[in-house]
Amino acid sequence: MKYHHVIASCKSLSQGYHELFADLSEDEVRSRFVNPYLKGEHILCGNDQIDVFGITKLMIIRTEESSENTRKRINEESLRRIDAINSQGGPIVISAGSGYHAEDIKEGGEDVTSQFITGAVGSKKAKPWYVNLILTVTGGLLVAGLVWWLGWK
């Protein structure tokens, strides 16, 4: 199974990236995030209601493993690199390694945002019922006025 993780930077949350959703299937990504995003609807992430118009940066990452396993692997690889640097002598690097921040998940997967997000936020927002009525009536009045002005009978 492929796992999808939605991470974003939002005006309503503290700075940096936040994991909005983790370990979703492709269908779940579409139903829980992509469709509401394109319709301009609010998204519920845990206890936070996210205004999609407040999303400033967005990434959808696909991994082969769950978020927990991917992050664990990222952290282990990061610690191995740090140990290799420290074993060469010279300055010592002291770090907990990668895998703890929301955006670190991209190191263990593929960015597939463009495969899901095909338009701007709110681009598929439904028009109110009266918009088409107003356009039809206005168009009809313009045609009637043109016919009257030109004297067609």
C-alpha atoms as a PDB file:
ATOM      1  CA  MET A   1       0.000   0.000   0.000  1.00  0.00           C
ATOM      2  CA  LYS A   2       1.103   3.552  -0.708  1.00  0.00           C
ATOM      3  CA  TYR A   3       0.786   6.085   2.088  1.00  0.00           C
ATOM      4  CA  HIS A   4       0.045   9.751   1.492  1.00  0.00           C
ATOM      5  CA  HIS A   5       0.875  12.576   3.877  1.00  0.00           C
ATOM      6  CA  VAL A   6      -0.431  16.138   3.555  1.00  0.00           C
ATOM      7  CA  ILE A   7       1.846  18.772   5.052  1.00  0.00           C
ATOM      8  CA  ALA A   8       1.214  22.483   4.851  1.00  0.00           C
ATOM      9  CA  SER A   9       2.138  25.879   6.165  1.00  0.00           C
ATOM     10  CA  CYS A  10      -0.977  27.751   7.300  1.00  0.00           C
ATOM     11  CA  LYS A  11      -1.649  31.308   8.407  1.00  0.00           C
ATOM     12  CA  SER A  12      -3.883  30.047  11.231  1.00  0.00           C
ATOM     13  CA  LEU A  13      -1.208  27.784  12.741  1.00  0.00           C
ATOM     14  CA  SER A  14       2.245  28.565  14.083  1.00  0.00           C
ATOM     15  CA  GLN A  15       5.071  29.026  11.586  1.00  0.00           C
ATOM     16  CA  GLY A  16       6.552  26.107   9.706  1.00  0.00           C
ATOM     17  CA  TYR A  17       4.973  23.050   8.194  1.00  0.00           C
ATOM     18  CA  HIS A  18       2.276  21.036   9.941  1.00  0.00           C
ATOM     19  CA  GLU A  19       1.169  17.511   9.179  1.00  0.00           C
ATOM     20  CA  LEU A  20      -2.503  17.900   8.308  1.00  0.00           C
ATOM     21  CA  PHE A  21      -3.030  14.250   7.393  1.00  0.00           C
ATOM     22  CA  ALA A  22      -0.829  11.154   7.574  1.00  0.00           C
ATOM     23  CA  ASP A  23      -1.069   7.603   6.253  1.00  0.00           C
ATOM     24  CA  LEU A  24      -3.975   8.203   3.862  1.00  0.00           C
ATOM     25  CA  SER A  25      -4.835   6.112   0.826  1.00  0.00           C
ATOM     26  CA  GLU A  26      -5.157   7.843  -2.535  1.00  0.00           C
ATOM     27  CA  ASP A  27      -8.964   7.888  -2.241  1.00  0.00           C
ATOM     28  CA  GLU A  28      -8.776   9.303   1.292  1.00  0.00           C
ATOM     29  CA  VAL A  29      -6.456  12.110   0.134  1.00  0.00           C
ATOM     30  CA  ARG A  30      -8.980  13.076  -2.524  1.00  0.00           C
ATOM     31  CA  SER A  31     -12.052  12.911  -0.269  1.00  0.00           C
ATOM     32  CA  ARG A  32     -10.577  14.373   2.938  1.00  0.00           C
ATOM     33  CA  PHE A  33      -8.269  17.020   1.473  1.00  0.00           C
ATOM     34  CA  VAL A  34      -8.196  17.586  -2.308  1.00  0.00           C
ATOM     35  CA  ASN A  35     -11.945  17.929  -2.911  1.00  0.00           C
ATOM     36  CA  PRO A  36     -12.543  20.322   0.026  1.00  0.00           C
ATOM     37  CA  TYR A  37      -9.383  22.253  -0.973  1.00  0.00           C
ATOM     38  CA  LEU A  38     -10.535  22.750  -4.562  1.00  0.00           C
ATOM     39  CA  LYS A  39     -14.063  23.672  -3.391  1.00  0.00           C
ATOM     40  CA  GLY A  40     -12.719  26.215  -0.914  1.00  0.00           C
ATOM     41  CA  GLU A  41     -14.204  24.431   2.105  1.00  0.00           C
ATOM     42  CA  HIS A  42     -12.764  24.266   5.614  1.00  0.00           C
ATOM     43  CA  ILE A  43     -10.876  21.099   6.562  1.00  0.00           C
ATOM     44  CA  LEU A  44     -10.957  19.468   9.981  1.00  0.00           C
ATOM     45  CA  CYS A  45      -7.526  18.189  11.059  1.00  0.00           C
ATOM     46  CA  GLY A  46      -7.660  16.729  14.534  1.00  0.00           C
ATOM     47  CA  ASN A  47      -9.015  19.577  16.657  1.00  0.00           C
ATOM     48  CA  ASP A  48      -8.078  22.307  14.192  1.00  0.00           C
ATOM     49  CA  GLN A  49     -10.381  23.718  11.556  1.00  0.00           C
ATOM     50  CA  ILE A  50      -8.208  24.830   8.647  1.00  0.00           C
ATOM     51  CA  ASP A  51      -9.313  27.562   6.270  1.00  0.00           C
ATOM     52  CA  VAL A  52      -7.913  26.349   2.947  1.00  0.00           C
ATOM     53  CA  PHE A  53      -7.506  29.940   1.754  1.00  0.00           C
ATOM     54  CA  GLY A  54      -4.988  30.348   4.595  1.00  0.00           C
ATOM     55  CA  ILE A  55      -2.712  27.594   3.303  1.00  0.00           C
ATOM     56  CA  THR A  56       0.487  29.242   2.068  1.00  0.00           C
ATOM     57  CA  LYS A  57       2.575  26.167   1.209  1.00  0.00           C
ATOM     58  CA  LEU A  58       1.432  22.647   0.480  1.00  0.00           C
ATOM     59  CA  MET A  59       3.011  19.260  -0.156  1.00  0.00           C
ATOM     60  CA  ILE A  60       1.468  15.839  -0.625  1.00  0.00           C
ATOM     61  CA  ILE A  61       4.135  13.174  -0.093  1.00  0.00           C
ATOM     62  CA  ARG A  62       3.761   9.503  -1.079  1.00  0.00           C
ATOM     63  CA  THR A  63       5.752   6.889   0.855  1.00  0.00           C
ATOM     64  CA  GLU A  64       5.992   3.112   0.850  1.00  0.00           C
ATOM     65  CA  GLU A  65       5.718   2.940   4.640  1.00  0.00           C
ATOM     66  CA  SER A  66       3.578   4.550   7.313  1.00  0.00           C
ATOM     67  CA  SER A  67       4.583   7.943   8.664  1.00  0.00           C
ATOM     68  CA  GLU A  68       5.955   6.409  11.862  1.00  0.00           C
ATOM     69  CA  ASN A  69       8.137   3.863  10.027  1.00  0.00           C
ATOM     70  CA  THR A  70       9.298   6.383   7.420  1.00  0.00           C
ATOM     71  CA  ARG A  71      10.296   8.902  10.082  1.00  0.00           C
ATOM     72  CA  LYS A  72      12.107   6.213  12.060  1.00  0.00           C
ATOM     73  CA  ARG A  73      14.058   5.222   8.930  1.00  0.00           C
ATOM     74  CA  ILE A  74      14.863   8.886   8.137  1.00  0.00           C
ATOM     75  CA  ASN A  75      16.102   9.387  11.697  1.00  0.00           C
ATOM     76  CA  GLU A  76      18.285   6.253  11.614  1.00  0.00           C
ATOM     77  CA  GLU A  77      19.853   7.260   8.292  1.00  0.00           C
ATOM     78  CA  SER A  78      20.440  10.777   9.583  1.00  0.00           C
ATOM     79  CA  LEU A  79      22.135   9.474  12.741  1.00  0.00           C
ATOM     80  CA  ARG A  80      24.367   7.174  10.638  1.00  0.00           C
ATOM     81  CA  ARG A  81      25.469  10.192   8.558  1.00  0.00           C
ATOM     82  CA  ILE A  82      26.200  12.174  11.721  1.00  0.00           C
ATOM     83  CA  ASP A  83      28.182   9.264  13.190  1.00  0.00           C
ATOM     84  CA  ALA A  84      30.185   8.985   9.955  1.00  0.00           C
ATOM     85  CA  ILE A  85      31.030  12.700  10.088  1.00  0.00           C
ATOM     86  CA  ASN A  86      31.988  12.469  13.764  1.00  0.00           C
ATOM     87  CA  SER A  87      34.202   9.422  13.190  1.00  0.00           C
ATOM     88  CA  GLN A  88      36.358  11.377  10.709  1.00  0.00           C
ATOM     89  CA  GLY A  89      37.713  13.591  13.447  1.00  0.00           C
ATOM     90  CA  GLY A  90      37.583  17.366  13.513  1.00  0.00           C
ATOM     91  CA  PRO A  91      34.573  19.271  14.786  1.00  0.00           C
ATOM     92  CA  ILE A  92      31.880  17.095  16.385  1.00  0.00           C
ATOM     93  CA  VAL A  93      28.276  17.338  15.242  1.00  0.00           C
ATOM     94  CA  ILE A  94      25.706  17.028  18.013  1.00  0.00           C
ATOM     95  CA  SER A  95      22.201  16.513  16.662  1.00  0.00           C
ATOM     96  CA  ALA A  96      19.086  14.434  17.235  1.00  0.00           C
ATOM     97  CA  GLY A  97      18.967  13.907  13.475  1.00  0.00           C
ATOM     98  CA  SER A  98      16.128  14.342  10.998  1.00  0.00           C
ATOM     99  CA  GLY A  99      12.643  12.891  11.090  1.00  0.00           C
ATOM    100  CA  TYR A 100      11.059  14.951  13.836  1.00  0.00           C
ATOM    101  CA  HIS A 101       9.636  17.870  11.836  1.00  0.00           C
ATOM    102  CA  ALA A 102       6.574  17.635   9.582  1.00  0.00           C
ATOM    103  CA  GLU A 103       8.533  18.513   6.429  1.00  0.00           C
ATOM    104  CA  ASP A 104      11.102  15.753   7.089  1.00  0.00           C
ATOM    105  CA  ILE A 105       8.685  13.183   5.635  1.00  0.00           C
ATOM    106  CA  LYS A 106       9.631  14.443   2.153  1.00  0.00           C
ATOM    107  CA  GLU A 107      13.103  12.901   2.635  1.00  0.00           C
ATOM    108  CA  GLY A 108      11.492   9.457   2.699  1.00  0.00           C
ATOM    109  CA  GLY A 109       9.038   9.798  -0.142  1.00  0.00           C
ATOM    110  CA  GLU A 110       8.017  11.425  -3.386  1.00  0.00           C
ATOM    111  CA  ASP A 111       6.299  14.794  -3.761  1.00  0.00           C
ATOM    112  CA  VAL A 112       3.069  14.046  -5.670  1.00  0.00           C
ATOM    113  CA  THR A 113       1.303  17.367  -5.034  1.00  0.00           C
ATOM    114  CA  SER A 114       0.920  18.149  -8.749  1.00  0.00           C
ATOM    115  CA  GLN A 115      -0.815  14.795  -9.336  1.00  0.00           C
ATOM    116  CA  PHE A 116      -3.585  15.774  -6.910  1.00  0.00           C
ATOM    117  CA  ILE A 117      -3.844  19.564  -6.992  1.00  0.00           C
ATOM    118  CA  THR A 118      -5.012  20.515 -10.469  1.00  0.00           C
ATOM    119  CA  GLY A 119      -6.330  23.991  -9.775  1.00  0.00           C
ATOM    120  CA  ALA A 120      -6.183  26.921  -7.406  1.00  0.00           C
ATOM    121  CA  VAL A 121      -7.753  26.762  -3.979  1.00  0.00           C
ATOM    122  CA  GLY A 122     -11.504  27.234  -4.313  1.00  0.00           C
ATOM    123  CA  SER A 123     -11.398  26.830  -8.110  1.00  0.00           C
ATOM    124  CA  LYS A 124     -14.245  24.291  -8.089  1.00  0.00           C
ATOM    125  CA  LYS A 125     -16.426  26.204  -5.693  1.00  0.00           C
ATOM    126  CA  ALA A 126     -20.076  25.843  -6.637  1.00  0.00           C
ATOM    127  CA  LYS A 127     -21.817  28.997  -7.798  1.00  0.00           C
ATOM    128  CA  PRO A 128     -24.968  30.045  -5.954  1.00  0.00           C
ATOM    129  CA  TRP A 129     -28.166  28.894  -7.730  1.00  0.00           C
ATOM    130  CA  TYR A 130     -29.122  32.424  -8.759  1.00  0.00           C
ATOM    131  CA  VAL A 131     -25.907  33.204 -10.686  1.00  0.00           C
ATOM    132  CA  ASN A 132     -26.944  31.207 -13.778  1.00  0.00           C
ATOM    133  CA  LEU A 133     -30.436  32.696 -13.589  1.00  0.00           C
ATOM    134  CA  ILE A 134     -29.045  36.242 -13.517  1.00  0.00           C
ATOM    135  CA  LEU A 135     -26.703  35.491 -16.429  1.00  0.00           C
ATOM    136  CA  THR A 136     -29.534  33.992 -18.502  1.00  0.00           C
ATOM    137  CA  VAL A 137     -31.967  36.863 -17.839  1.00  0.00           C
ATOM    138  CA  THR A 138     -29.278  39.483 -18.518  1.00  0.00           C
ATOM    139  CA  GLY A 139     -28.268  37.774 -21.752  1.00  0.00           C
ATOM    140  CA  GLY A 140     -31.917  37.577 -22.858  1.00  0.00           C
ATOM    141  CA  LEU A 141     -32.484  41.268 -22.114  1.00  0.00           C
ATOM    142  CA  LEU A 142     -29.353  42.231 -24.058  1.00  0.00           C
ATOM    143  CA  VAL A 143     -30.483  40.224 -27.092  1.00  0.00           C
ATOM    144  CA  ALA A 144     -34.014  41.701 -26.859  1.00  0.00           C
ATOM    145  CA  GLY A 145     -32.581  45.222 -26.588  1.00  0.00           C
ATOM    146  CA  LEU A 146     -30.318  44.627 -29.586  1.00  0.00           C
ATOM    147  CA  VAL A 147     -33.252  43.305 -31.649  1.00  0.00           C
ATOM    148  CA  TRP A 148     -35.399  46.321 -30.701  1.00  0.00           C
ATOM    149  CA  TRP A 149     -32.549  48.784 -31.391  1.00  0.00           C
ATOM    150  CA  LEU A 150     -31.849  47.319 -34.827  1.00  0.00           C
ATOM    151  CA  GLY A 151     -35.567  47.230 -35.586  1.00  0.00           C
ATOM    152  CA  TRP A 152     -35.797  43.534 -36.336  1.00  0.00           C
ATOM    153  CA  LYS A 153     -39.265  42.123 -36.341  1.00  0.00           C
END
